[in-house]
């Protein structure tokens, strides 16, 4: 019974502590820079016209990741049925391998798109 109450309370306390430390540290850092007379424009990143939107990067990486996982399921099924490899080995191995390859391909595609823009 105590665990049912203690776990959510500790979870929210951890989230609160992380947010508190982040914002208080950021505030102290900004106040120190203002005291030294540094221009306030360093807090805001200038968004140029040629920046690639973040949603496009996330969408490309997510799409390539899902394609890799889908291909891994087909390859795992092929390995299980044709080559006789155990299901417990074929599926996780190919899913993790193809997901990693998919993320790598997505990274390369994003890098190529950023060079064009």
PDB file of N, CA and C in Angstrom:
ATOM      1  N   UNK A   1       0.822  -1.198   0.000  1.00  0.00           N
ATOM      2  CA  UNK A   1       0.000   0.000   0.000  1.00  0.00           C
ATOM      3  C   UNK A   1       0.862   1.257   0.000  1.00  0.00           C
ATOM      4  N   UNK A   2       1.915   1.237   0.792  1.00  0.00           N
ATOM      5  CA  UNK A   2       2.795   2.404   0.881  1.00  0.00           C
ATOM      6  C   UNK A   2       3.505   2.635  -0.450  1.00  0.00           C
ATOM      7  N   UNK A   3       3.856   1.539  -1.150  1.00  0.00           N
ATOM      8  CA  UNK A   3       4.550   1.675  -2.432  1.00  0.00           C
ATOM      9  C   UNK A   3       3.681   2.378  -3.470  1.00  0.00           C
ATOM     10  N   UNK A   4       2.378   2.139  -3.390  1.00  0.00           N
ATOM     11  CA  UNK A   4       1.462   2.751  -4.348  1.00  0.00           C
ATOM     12  C   UNK A   4       1.419   4.266  -4.198  1.00  0.00           C
ATOM     13  N   UNK A   5       1.712   4.759  -3.034  1.00  0.00           N
ATOM     14  CA  UNK A   5       1.729   6.199  -2.795  1.00  0.00           C
ATOM     15  C   UNK A   5       3.136   6.753  -2.977  1.00  0.00           C
ATOM     16  N   UNK A   6       4.128   5.989  -2.534  1.00  0.00           N
ATOM     17  CA  UNK A   6       5.511   6.460  -2.536  1.00  0.00           C
ATOM     18  C   UNK A   6       6.081   6.617  -3.945  1.00  0.00           C
ATOM     19  N   UNK A   7       5.743   5.734  -4.851  1.00  0.00           N
ATOM     20  CA  UNK A   7       6.314   5.778  -6.205  1.00  0.00           C
ATOM     21  C   UNK A   7       5.869   7.020  -6.975  1.00  0.00           C
ATOM     22  N   UNK A   8       4.583   7.352  -7.053  1.00  0.00           N
ATOM     23  CA  UNK A   8       4.209   8.573  -7.779  1.00  0.00           C
ATOM     24  C   UNK A   8       4.749   9.840  -7.124  1.00  0.00           C
ATOM     25  N   UNK A   9       4.773   9.870  -5.798  1.00  0.00           N
ATOM     26  CA  UNK A   9       5.294  11.054  -5.112  1.00  0.00           C
ATOM     27  C   UNK A   9       6.779  11.228  -5.419  1.00  0.00           C
ATOM     28  N   UNK A  10       7.545  10.142  -5.358  1.00  0.00           N
ATOM     29  CA  UNK A  10       8.978  10.248  -5.657  1.00  0.00           C
ATOM     30  C   UNK A  10       9.210  10.610  -7.119  1.00  0.00           C
ATOM     31  N   UNK A  11       8.379  10.099  -8.011  1.00  0.00           N
ATOM     32  CA  UNK A  11       8.501  10.440  -9.431  1.00  0.00           C
ATOM     33  C   UNK A  11       8.315  11.937  -9.647  1.00  0.00           C
ATOM     34  N   UNK A  12       7.252  12.509  -9.064  1.00  0.00           N
ATOM     35  CA  UNK A  12       7.010  13.936  -9.234  1.00  0.00           C
ATOM     36  C   UNK A  12       8.059  14.789  -8.522  1.00  0.00           C
ATOM     37  N   UNK A  13       8.597  14.308  -7.415  1.00  0.00           N
ATOM     38  CA  UNK A  13       9.675  15.031  -6.742  1.00  0.00           C
ATOM     39  C   UNK A  13      10.939  15.067  -7.608  1.00  0.00           C
ATOM     40  N   UNK A  14      11.241  13.983  -8.266  1.00  0.00           N
ATOM     41  CA  UNK A  14      12.414  13.955  -9.154  1.00  0.00           C
ATOM     42  C   UNK A  14      12.217  14.904 -10.325  1.00  0.00           C
ATOM     43  N   UNK A  15      11.040  14.884 -10.928  1.00  0.00           N
ATOM     44  CA  UNK A  15      10.757  15.804 -12.039  1.00  0.00           C
ATOM     45  C   UNK A  15      10.855  17.252 -11.564  1.00  0.00           C
ATOM     46  N   UNK A  16      10.301  17.551 -10.399  1.00  0.00           N
ATOM     47  CA  UNK A  16      10.370  18.905  -9.859  1.00  0.00           C
ATOM     48  C   UNK A  16      11.813  19.315  -9.596  1.00  0.00           C
ATOM     49  N   UNK A  17      12.613  18.413  -9.029  1.00  0.00           N
ATOM     50  CA  UNK A  17      14.012  18.738  -8.727  1.00  0.00           C
ATOM     51  C   UNK A  17      14.800  19.021 -10.000  1.00  0.00           C
ATOM     52  N   UNK A  18      14.564  18.235 -11.035  1.00  0.00           N
ATOM     53  CA  UNK A  18      15.280  18.459 -12.295  1.00  0.00           C
ATOM     54  C   UNK A  18      14.896  19.816 -12.893  1.00  0.00           C
ATOM     55  N   UNK A  19      13.600  20.113 -12.921  1.00  0.00           N
ATOM     56  CA  UNK A  19      13.154  21.407 -13.452  1.00  0.00           C
ATOM     57  C   UNK A  19      13.682  22.561 -12.620  1.00  0.00           C
ATOM     58  N   UNK A  20      13.646  22.427 -11.308  1.00  0.00           N
ATOM     59  CA  UNK A  20      14.130  23.489 -10.431  1.00  0.00           C
ATOM     60  C   UNK A  20      15.616  23.761 -10.654  1.00  0.00           C
ATOM     61  N   UNK A  21      16.407  22.706 -10.728  1.00  0.00           N
ATOM     62  CA  UNK A  21      17.839  22.888 -10.959  1.00  0.00           C
ATOM     63  C   UNK A  21      18.111  23.509 -12.326  1.00  0.00           C
ATOM     64  N   UNK A  22      17.384  23.093 -13.325  1.00  0.00           N
ATOM     65  CA  UNK A  22      17.593  23.633 -14.663  1.00  0.00           C
ATOM     66  C   UNK A  22      17.293  25.123 -14.711  1.00  0.00           C
ATOM     67  N   UNK A  23      16.120  25.517 -14.204  1.00  0.00           N
ATOM     68  CA  UNK A  23      15.730  26.918 -14.294  1.00  0.00           C
ATOM     69  C   UNK A  23      16.522  27.807 -13.350  1.00  0.00           C
ATOM     70  N   UNK A  24      16.850  27.337 -12.162  1.00  0.00           N
ATOM     71  CA  UNK A  24      17.627  28.176 -11.242  1.00  0.00           C
ATOM     72  C   UNK A  24      19.053  28.363 -11.751  1.00  0.00           C
ATOM     73  N   UNK A  25      19.645  27.324 -12.324  1.00  0.00           N
ATOM     74  CA  UNK A  25      20.993  27.447 -12.879  1.00  0.00           C
ATOM     75  C   UNK A  25      20.995  28.377 -14.081  1.00  0.00           C
ATOM     76  N   UNK A  26      19.989  28.251 -14.937  1.00  0.00           N
ATOM     77  CA  UNK A  26      19.896  29.123 -16.108  1.00  0.00           C
ATOM     78  C   UNK A  26      19.727  30.575 -15.681  1.00  0.00           C
ATOM     79  N   UNK A  27      18.918  30.795 -14.655  1.00  0.00           N
ATOM     80  CA  UNK A  27      18.685  32.150 -14.176  1.00  0.00           C
ATOM     81  C   UNK A  27      19.972  32.746 -13.608  1.00  0.00           C
ATOM     82  N   UNK A  28      20.699  31.975 -12.795  1.00  0.00           N
ATOM     83  CA  UNK A  28      21.965  32.472 -12.232  1.00  0.00           C
ATOM     84  C   UNK A  28      22.979  32.778 -13.328  1.00  0.00           C
ATOM     85  N   UNK A  29      23.039  31.927 -14.323  1.00  0.00           N
ATOM     86  CA  UNK A  29      23.975  32.140 -15.422  1.00  0.00           C
ATOM     87  C   UNK A  29      23.637  33.417 -16.191  1.00  0.00           C
ATOM     88  N   UNK A  30      22.370  33.625 -16.456  1.00  0.00           N
ATOM     89  CA  UNK A  30      21.955  34.831 -17.173  1.00  0.00           C
ATOM     90  C   UNK A  30      22.198  36.089 -16.345  1.00  0.00           C
ATOM     91  N   UNK A  31      21.929  36.009 -15.058  1.00  0.00           N
ATOM     92  CA  UNK A  31      22.180  37.176 -14.202  1.00  0.00           C
ATOM     93  C   UNK A  31      23.668  37.512 -14.156  1.00  0.00           C
ATOM     94  N   UNK A  32      24.521  36.488 -14.123  1.00  0.00           N
ATOM     95  CA  UNK A  32      25.965  36.734 -14.118  1.00  0.00           C
ATOM     96  C   UNK A  32      26.413  37.380 -15.429  1.00  0.00           C
ATOM     97  N   UNK A  33      25.841  36.943 -16.548  1.00  0.00           N
ATOM     98  CA  UNK A  33      26.204  37.550 -17.829  1.00  0.00           C
ATOM     99  C   UNK A  33      25.706  38.989 -17.925  1.00  0.00           C
ATOM    100  N   UNK A  34      24.523  39.253 -17.379  1.00  0.00           N
ATOM    101  CA  UNK A  34      23.986  40.620 -17.409  1.00  0.00           C
ATOM    102  C   UNK A  34      24.828  41.537 -16.531  1.00  0.00           C
ATOM    103  N   UNK A  35      25.286  41.042 -15.391  1.00  0.00           N
ATOM    104  CA  UNK A  35      26.143  41.846 -14.512  1.00  0.00           C
ATOM    105  C   UNK A  35      27.446  42.216 -15.194  1.00  0.00           C
ATOM    106  N   UNK A  36      27.956  41.328 -16.037  1.00  0.00           N
ATOM    107  CA  UNK A  36      29.197  41.613 -16.752  1.00  0.00           C
ATOM    108  C   UNK A  36      28.977  42.525 -17.947  1.00  0.00           C
ATOM    109  N   UNK A  37      27.715  42.783 -18.302  1.00  0.00           N
ATOM    110  CA  UNK A  37      27.412  43.691 -19.398  1.00  0.00           C
ATOM    111  C   UNK A  37      27.374  43.041 -20.763  1.00  0.00           C
ATOM    112  N   UNK A  38      27.179  41.751 -20.807  1.00  0.00           N
ATOM    113  CA  UNK A  38      27.109  41.042 -22.079  1.00  0.00           C
ATOM    114  C   UNK A  38      25.751  41.313 -22.719  1.00  0.00           C
ATOM    115  N   UNK A  39      25.741  41.393 -24.047  1.00  0.00           N
ATOM    116  CA  UNK A  39      24.509  41.658 -24.783  1.00  0.00           C
ATOM    117  C   UNK A  39      23.513  40.526 -24.585  1.00  0.00           C
ATOM    118  N   UNK A  40      22.247  40.855 -24.456  1.00  0.00           N
ATOM    119  CA  UNK A  40      21.204  39.867 -24.198  1.00  0.00           C
ATOM    120  C   UNK A  40      20.850  39.049 -25.435  1.00  0.00           C
ATOM    121  N   UNK A  41      21.361  39.403 -26.589  1.00  0.00           N
ATOM    122  CA  UNK A  41      21.044  38.662 -27.810  1.00  0.00           C
ATOM    123  C   UNK A  41      21.654  37.262 -27.828  1.00  0.00           C
ATOM    124  N   UNK A  42      22.612  36.999 -26.947  1.00  0.00           N
ATOM    125  CA  UNK A  42      23.211  35.661 -26.943  1.00  0.00           C
ATOM    126  C   UNK A  42      22.241  34.611 -26.415  1.00  0.00           C
ATOM    127  N   UNK A  43      21.164  35.044 -25.755  1.00  0.00           N
ATOM    128  CA  UNK A  43      20.185  34.097 -25.234  1.00  0.00           C
ATOM    129  C   UNK A  43      19.250  33.583 -26.317  1.00  0.00           C
ATOM    130  N   UNK A  44      19.158  34.284 -27.405  1.00  0.00           N
ATOM    131  CA  UNK A  44      18.246  33.917 -28.469  1.00  0.00           C
ATOM    132  C   UNK A  44      19.036  33.567 -29.711  1.00  0.00           C
ATOM    133  N   UNK A  45      18.786  32.371 -30.238  1.00  0.00           N
ATOM    134  CA  UNK A  45      19.466  31.954 -31.458  1.00  0.00           C
ATOM    135  C   UNK A  45      18.750  32.567 -32.644  1.00  0.00           C
ATOM    136  N   UNK A  46      19.509  33.223 -33.480  1.00  0.00           N
ATOM    137  CA  UNK A  46      18.921  33.831 -34.674  1.00  0.00           C
ATOM    138  C   UNK A  46      18.516  32.720 -35.638  1.00  0.00           C
ATOM    139  N   UNK A  47      17.269  32.710 -36.002  1.00  0.00           N
ATOM    140  CA  UNK A  47      16.764  31.682 -36.913  1.00  0.00           C
ATOM    141  C   UNK A  47      16.878  32.214 -38.340  1.00  0.00           C
ATOM    142  N   UNK A  48      17.702  31.568 -39.104  1.00  0.00           N
ATOM    143  CA  UNK A  48      17.884  32.023 -40.479  1.00  0.00           C
ATOM    144  C   UNK A  48      16.824  31.381 -41.366  1.00  0.00           C
ATOM    145  N   UNK A  49      16.710  31.905 -42.556  1.00  0.00           N
ATOM    146  CA  UNK A  49      15.731  31.400 -43.513  1.00  0.00           C
ATOM    147  C   UNK A  49      16.106  30.010 -44.007  1.00  0.00           C
ATOM    148  N   UNK A  50      17.378  29.666 -43.904  1.00  0.00           N
ATOM    149  CA  UNK A  50      17.869  28.433 -44.500  1.00  0.00           C
ATOM    150  C   UNK A  50      17.933  27.275 -43.516  1.00  0.00           C
ATOM    151  N   UNK A  51      17.423  27.446 -42.302  1.00  0.00           N
ATOM    152  CA  UNK A  51      17.422  26.347 -41.342  1.00  0.00           C
ATOM    153  C   UNK A  51      16.383  25.306 -41.720  1.00  0.00           C
ATOM    154  N   UNK A  52      16.742  24.060 -41.560  1.00  0.00           N
ATOM    155  CA  UNK A  52      15.827  22.955 -41.821  1.00  0.00           C
ATOM    156  C   UNK A  52      14.914  22.800 -40.610  1.00  0.00           C
ATOM    157  N   UNK A  53      13.597  22.774 -40.802  1.00  0.00           N
ATOM    158  CA  UNK A  53      12.695  22.645 -39.657  1.00  0.00           C
ATOM    159  C   UNK A  53      12.931  21.344 -38.891  1.00  0.00           C
ATOM    160  N   UNK A  54      12.798  21.409 -37.586  1.00  0.00           N
ATOM    161  CA  UNK A  54      13.055  20.256 -36.732  1.00  0.00           C
ATOM    162  C   UNK A  54      12.081  19.127 -37.018  1.00  0.00           C
ATOM    163  N   UNK A  55      10.844  19.465 -37.337  1.00  0.00           N
ATOM    164  CA  UNK A  55       9.857  18.421 -37.563  1.00  0.00           C
ATOM    165  C   UNK A  55      10.215  17.574 -38.780  1.00  0.00           C
ATOM    166  N   UNK A  56      10.884  18.165 -39.767  1.00  0.00           N
ATOM    167  CA  UNK A  56      11.295  17.389 -40.935  1.00  0.00           C
ATOM    168  C   UNK A  56      12.395  16.397 -40.570  1.00  0.00           C
ATOM    169  N   UNK A  57      13.311  16.819 -39.732  1.00  0.00           N
ATOM    170  CA  UNK A  57      14.397  15.944 -39.296  1.00  0.00           C
ATOM    171  C   UNK A  57      13.836  14.770 -38.499  1.00  0.00           C
ATOM    172  N   UNK A  58      12.933  15.060 -37.572  1.00  0.00           N
ATOM    173  CA  UNK A  58      12.335  14.001 -36.755  1.00  0.00           C
ATOM    174  C   UNK A  58      11.524  13.050 -37.618  1.00  0.00           C
ATOM    175  N   UNK A  59      10.780  13.593 -38.563  1.00  0.00           N
ATOM    176  CA  UNK A  59       9.945  12.763 -39.427  1.00  0.00           C
ATOM    177  C   UNK A  59      10.784  11.847 -40.311  1.00  0.00           C
ATOM    178  N   UNK A  60      11.867  12.354 -40.861  1.00  0.00           N
ATOM    179  CA  UNK A  60      12.742  11.530 -41.702  1.00  0.00           C
ATOM    180  C   UNK A  60      13.353  10.403 -40.881  1.00  0.00           C
ATOM    181  N   UNK A  61      13.888  10.742 -39.716  1.00  0.00           N
ATOM    182  CA  UNK A  61      14.516   9.718 -38.885  1.00  0.00           C
ATOM    183  C   UNK A  61      13.508   8.671 -38.411  1.00  0.00           C
ATOM    184  N   UNK A  62      12.311   9.104 -38.045  1.00  0.00           N
ATOM    185  CA  UNK A  62      11.289   8.170 -37.580  1.00  0.00           C
ATOM    186  C   UNK A  62      10.828   7.256 -38.715  1.00  0.00           C
ATOM    187  N   UNK A  63      10.676   7.817 -39.916  1.00  0.00           N
ATOM    188  CA  UNK A  63      10.241   7.019 -41.066  1.00  0.00           C
ATOM    189  C   UNK A  63      11.283   5.966 -41.424  1.00  0.00           C
ATOM    190  N   UNK A  64      12.530   6.357 -41.453  1.00  0.00           N
ATOM    191  CA  UNK A  64      13.581   5.400 -41.808  1.00  0.00           C
ATOM    192  C   UNK A  64      13.719   4.344 -40.712  1.00  0.00           C
ATOM    193  N   UNK A  65      13.538   4.732 -39.452  1.00  0.00           N
ATOM    194  CA  UNK A  65      13.582   3.771 -38.358  1.00  0.00           C
ATOM    195  C   UNK A  65      12.468   2.729 -38.500  1.00  0.00           C
ATOM    196  N   UNK A  66      11.252   3.184 -38.791  1.00  0.00           N
ATOM    197  CA  UNK A  66      10.135   2.244 -38.953  1.00  0.00           C
ATOM    198  C   UNK A  66      10.324   1.346 -40.166  1.00  0.00           C
ATOM    199  N   UNK A  67      10.887   1.878 -41.237  1.00  0.00           N
ATOM    200  CA  UNK A  67      11.174   1.050 -42.415  1.00  0.00           C
ATOM    201  C   UNK A  67      12.190  -0.035 -42.054  1.00  0.00           C
ATOM    202  N   UNK A  68      13.200   0.344 -41.287  1.00  0.00           N
ATOM    203  CA  UNK A  68      14.208  -0.629 -40.856  1.00  0.00           C
ATOM    204  C   UNK A  68      13.617  -1.708 -39.969  1.00  0.00           C
ATOM    205  N   UNK A  69      12.729  -1.329 -39.061  1.00  0.00           N
ATOM    206  CA  UNK A  69      12.099  -2.321 -38.182  1.00  0.00           C
ATOM    207  C   UNK A  69      11.197  -3.254 -38.995  1.00  0.00           C
ATOM    208  N   UNK A  70      10.458  -2.695 -39.952  1.00  0.00           N
ATOM    209  CA  UNK A  70       9.614  -3.530 -40.804  1.00  0.00           C
ATOM    210  C   UNK A  70      10.428  -4.522 -41.613  1.00  0.00           C
ATOM    211  N   UNK A  71      11.532  -4.062 -42.173  1.00  0.00           N
ATOM    212  CA  UNK A  71      12.393  -4.973 -42.926  1.00  0.00           C
ATOM    213  C   UNK A  71      12.985  -6.041 -42.010  1.00  0.00           C
ATOM    214  N   UNK A  72      13.285  -5.667 -40.777  1.00  0.00           N
ATOM    215  CA  UNK A  72      13.868  -6.617 -39.829  1.00  0.00           C
ATOM    216  C   UNK A  72      12.895  -7.734 -39.491  1.00  0.00           C
ATOM    217  N   UNK A  73      11.616  -7.418 -39.402  1.00  0.00           N
ATOM    218  CA  UNK A  73      10.626  -8.460 -39.116  1.00  0.00           C
ATOM    219  C   UNK A  73      10.561  -9.454 -40.275  1.00  0.00           C
ATOM    220  N   UNK A  74      10.604  -8.945 -41.500  1.00  0.00           N
ATOM    221  CA  UNK A  74      10.610  -9.847 -42.652  1.00  0.00           C
ATOM    222  C   UNK A  74      11.878 -10.699 -42.685  1.00  0.00           C
ATOM    223  N   UNK A  75      13.015 -10.088 -42.421  1.00  0.00           N
ATOM    224  CA  UNK A  75      14.277 -10.841 -42.421  1.00  0.00           C
ATOM    225  C   UNK A  75      14.285 -11.864 -41.293  1.00  0.00           C
ATOM    226  N   UNK A  76      13.777 -11.487 -40.113  1.00  0.00           N
ATOM    227  CA  UNK A  76      13.705 -12.431 -38.999  1.00  0.00           C
ATOM    228  C   UNK A  76      12.803 -13.604 -39.308  1.00  0.00           C
ATOM    229  N   UNK A  77      11.676 -13.323 -39.972  1.00  0.00           N
ATOM    230  CA  UNK A  77      10.771 -14.408 -40.373  1.00  0.00           C
ATOM    231  C   UNK A  77      11.447 -15.330 -41.380  1.00  0.00           C
ATOM    232  N   UNK A  78      12.182 -14.759 -42.321  1.00  0.00           N
ATOM    233  CA  UNK A  78      12.918 -15.553 -43.303  1.00  0.00           C
ATOM    234  C   UNK A  78      13.966 -16.420 -42.614  1.00  0.00           C
ATOM    235  N   UNK A  79      14.682 -15.830 -41.660  1.00  0.00           N
ATOM    236  CA  UNK A  79      15.718 -16.578 -40.949  1.00  0.00           C
ATOM    237  C   UNK A  79      15.113 -17.718 -40.130  1.00  0.00           C
ATOM    238  N   UNK A  80      13.959 -17.469 -39.548  1.00  0.00           N
ATOM    239  CA  UNK A  80      13.318 -18.504 -38.733  1.00  0.00           C
ATOM    240  C   UNK A  80      12.780 -19.645 -39.591  1.00  0.00           C
ATOM    241  N   UNK A  81      12.085 -19.306 -40.664  1.00  0.00           N
ATOM    242  CA  UNK A  81      11.433 -20.346 -41.478  1.00  0.00           C
ATOM    243  C   UNK A  81      12.386 -21.062 -42.415  1.00  0.00           C
ATOM    244  N   UNK A  82      13.308 -20.347 -43.034  1.00  0.00           N
ATOM    245  CA  UNK A  82      14.174 -20.954 -44.040  1.00  0.00           C
ATOM    246  C   UNK A  82      15.457 -21.512 -43.437  1.00  0.00           C
ATOM    247  N   UNK A  83      16.107 -20.715 -42.617  1.00  0.00           N
ATOM    248  CA  UNK A  83      17.401 -21.135 -42.082  1.00  0.00           C
ATOM    249  C   UNK A  83      17.277 -21.931 -40.789  1.00  0.00           C
ATOM    250  N   UNK A  84      16.097 -21.911 -40.171  1.00  0.00           N
ATOM    251  CA  UNK A  84      15.884 -22.693 -38.958  1.00  0.00           C
ATOM    252  C   UNK A  84      16.463 -22.081 -37.698  1.00  0.00           C
ATOM    253  N   UNK A  85      16.720 -20.787 -37.705  1.00  0.00           N
ATOM    254  CA  UNK A  85      17.247 -20.109 -36.517  1.00  0.00           C
ATOM    255  C   UNK A  85      16.104 -19.907 -35.529  1.00  0.00           C
ATOM    256  N   UNK A  86      16.409 -20.011 -34.243  1.00  0.00           N
ATOM    257  CA  UNK A  86      15.376 -19.849 -33.214  1.00  0.00           C
ATOM    258  C   UNK A  86      14.726 -18.470 -33.305  1.00  0.00           C
ATOM    259  N   UNK A  87      13.435 -18.445 -32.990  1.00  0.00           N
ATOM    260  CA  UNK A  87      12.671 -17.198 -33.030  1.00  0.00           C
ATOM    261  C   UNK A  87      13.221 -16.177 -32.030  1.00  0.00           C
ATOM    262  N   UNK A  88      13.666 -16.653 -30.864  1.00  0.00           N
ATOM    263  CA  UNK A  88      14.182 -15.758 -29.824  1.00  0.00           C
ATOM    264  C   UNK A  88      15.490 -15.090 -30.231  1.00  0.00           C
ATOM    265  N   UNK A  89      16.166 -15.648 -31.193  1.00  0.00           N
ATOM    266  CA  UNK A  89      17.425 -15.069 -31.663  1.00  0.00           C
ATOM    267  C   UNK A  89      17.209 -14.259 -32.937  1.00  0.00           C
ATOM    268  N   UNK A  90      16.412 -14.768 -33.837  1.00  0.00           N
ATOM    269  CA  UNK A  90      16.249 -14.150 -35.155  1.00  0.00           C
ATOM    270  C   UNK A  90      15.598 -12.775 -35.072  1.00  0.00           C
ATOM    271  N   UNK A  91      14.481 -12.677 -34.371  1.00  0.00           N
ATOM    272  CA  UNK A  91      13.735 -11.419 -34.369  1.00  0.00           C
ATOM    273  C   UNK A  91      14.456 -10.283 -33.619  1.00  0.00           C
ATOM    274  N   UNK A  92      14.869 -10.466 -32.364  1.00  0.00           N
ATOM    275  CA  UNK A  92      15.520  -9.331 -31.690  1.00  0.00           C
ATOM    276  C   UNK A  92      16.828  -8.918 -32.362  1.00  0.00           C
ATOM    277  N   UNK A  93      17.587  -9.891 -32.816  1.00  0.00           N
ATOM    278  CA  UNK A  93      18.858  -9.564 -33.462  1.00  0.00           C
ATOM    279  C   UNK A  93      18.678  -8.724 -34.712  1.00  0.00           C
ATOM    280  N   UNK A  94      17.767  -9.155 -35.568  1.00  0.00           N
ATOM    281  CA  UNK A  94      17.568  -8.398 -36.805  1.00  0.00           C
ATOM    282  C   UNK A  94      16.868  -7.067 -36.548  1.00  0.00           C
ATOM    283  N   UNK A  95      15.958  -7.024 -35.571  1.00  0.00           N
ATOM    284  CA  UNK A  95      15.269  -5.749 -35.294  1.00  0.00           C
ATOM    285  C   UNK A  95      16.266  -4.706 -34.795  1.00  0.00           C
ATOM    286  N   UNK A  96      17.114  -5.080 -33.845  1.00  0.00           N
ATOM    287  CA  UNK A  96      18.087  -4.100 -33.335  1.00  0.00           C
ATOM    288  C   UNK A  96      19.105  -3.708 -34.402  1.00  0.00           C
ATOM    289  N   UNK A  97      19.541  -4.684 -35.198  1.00  0.00           N
ATOM    290  CA  UNK A  97      20.513  -4.377 -36.248  1.00  0.00           C
ATOM    291  C   UNK A  97      19.916  -3.451 -37.305  1.00  0.00           C
ATOM    292  N   UNK A  98      18.741  -3.783 -37.778  1.00  0.00           N
ATOM    293  CA  UNK A  98      18.125  -2.963 -38.829  1.00  0.00           C
ATOM    294  C   UNK A  98      17.662  -1.604 -38.296  1.00  0.00           C
ATOM    295  N   UNK A  99      17.253  -1.545 -37.024  1.00  0.00           N
ATOM    296  CA  UNK A  99      16.893  -0.247 -36.443  1.00  0.00           C
ATOM    297  C   UNK A  99      18.125   0.648 -36.363  1.00  0.00           C
ATOM    298  N   UNK A 100      19.258   0.075 -35.986  1.00  0.00           N
ATOM    299  CA  UNK A 100      20.500   0.854 -35.949  1.00  0.00           C
ATOM    300  C   UNK A 100      20.914   1.322 -37.333  1.00  0.00           C
ATOM    301  N   UNK A 101      20.802   0.452 -38.306  1.00  0.00           N
ATOM    302  CA  UNK A 101      21.118   0.839 -39.683  1.00  0.00           C
ATOM    303  C   UNK A 101      20.146   1.915 -40.163  1.00  0.00           C
ATOM    304  N   UNK A 102      18.868   1.787 -39.806  1.00  0.00           N
ATOM    305  CA  UNK A 102      17.878   2.791 -40.186  1.00  0.00           C
ATOM    306  C   UNK A 102      18.182   4.159 -39.574  1.00  0.00           C
ATOM    307  N   UNK A 103      18.575   4.167 -38.304  1.00  0.00           N
ATOM    308  CA  UNK A 103      18.936   5.447 -37.678  1.00  0.00           C
ATOM    309  C   UNK A 103      20.174   6.051 -38.320  1.00  0.00           C
ATOM    310  N   UNK A 104      21.131   5.211 -38.681  1.00  0.00           N
ATOM    311  CA  UNK A 104      22.335   5.698 -39.349  1.00  0.00           C
ATOM    312  C   UNK A 104      22.000   6.280 -40.721  1.00  0.00           C
ATOM    313  N   UNK A 105      21.137   5.603 -41.469  1.00  0.00           N
ATOM    314  CA  UNK A 105      20.715   6.105 -42.781  1.00  0.00           C
ATOM    315  C   UNK A 105      19.945   7.423 -42.618  1.00  0.00           C
ATOM    316  N   UNK A 106      19.070   7.495 -41.617  1.00  0.00           N
ATOM    317  CA  UNK A 106      18.335   8.732 -41.361  1.00  0.00           C
ATOM    318  C   UNK A 106      19.263   9.885 -41.017  1.00  0.00           C
ATOM    319  N   UNK A 107      20.309   9.591 -40.245  1.00  0.00           N
ATOM    320  CA  UNK A 107      21.295  10.626 -39.919  1.00  0.00           C
ATOM    321  C   UNK A 107      22.017  11.118 -41.165  1.00  0.00           C
ATOM    322  N   UNK A 108      22.401  10.176 -42.018  1.00  0.00           N
ATOM    323  CA  UNK A 108      23.090  10.560 -43.258  1.00  0.00           C
ATOM    324  C   UNK A 108      22.173  11.387 -44.162  1.00  0.00           C
ATOM    325  N   UNK A 109      20.900  11.007 -44.241  1.00  0.00           N
ATOM    326  CA  UNK A 109      19.956  11.763 -45.065  1.00  0.00           C
ATOM    327  C   UNK A 109      19.752  13.170 -44.509  1.00  0.00           C
ATOM    328  N   UNK A 110      19.671  13.289 -43.199  1.00  0.00           N
ATOM    329  CA  UNK A 110      19.505  14.600 -42.573  1.00  0.00           C
ATOM    330  C   UNK A 110      20.722  15.467 -42.817  1.00  0.00           C
ATOM    331  N   UNK A 111      21.896  14.864 -42.712  1.00  0.00           N
ATOM    332  CA  UNK A 111      23.127  15.624 -42.937  1.00  0.00           C
ATOM    333  C   UNK A 111      23.191  16.121 -44.378  1.00  0.00           C
ATOM    334  N   UNK A 112      22.768  15.282 -45.318  1.00  0.00           N
ATOM    335  CA  UNK A 112      22.763  15.673 -46.729  1.00  0.00           C
ATOM    336  C   UNK A 112      21.770  16.799 -46.982  1.00  0.00           C
ATOM    337  N   UNK A 113      20.595  16.716 -46.332  1.00  0.00           N
ATOM    338  CA  UNK A 113      19.589  17.784 -46.485  1.00  0.00           C
ATOM    339  C   UNK A 113      20.072  19.110 -45.900  1.00  0.00           C
ATOM    340  N   UNK A 114      20.782  19.038 -44.784  1.00  0.00           N
ATOM    341  CA  UNK A 114      21.274  20.266 -44.164  1.00  0.00           C
ATOM    342  C   UNK A 114      22.359  20.922 -45.014  1.00  0.00           C
ATOM    343  N   UNK A 115      23.125  20.104 -45.748  1.00  0.00           N
ATOM    344  CA  UNK A 115      24.131  20.685 -46.638  1.00  0.00           C
ATOM    345  C   UNK A 115      23.488  21.413 -47.805  1.00  0.00           C
ATOM    346  N   UNK A 116      22.345  20.876 -48.300  1.00  0.00           N
ATOM    347  CA  UNK A 116      21.659  21.511 -49.423  1.00  0.00           C
ATOM    348  C   UNK A 116      21.068  22.858 -49.017  1.00  0.00           C
ATOM    349  N   UNK A 117      20.570  22.939 -47.789  1.00  0.00           N
ATOM    350  CA  UNK A 117      19.876  24.169 -47.337  1.00  0.00           C
ATOM    351  C   UNK A 117      20.837  25.190 -46.881  1.00  0.00           C
TER     352      UNK A 117
END
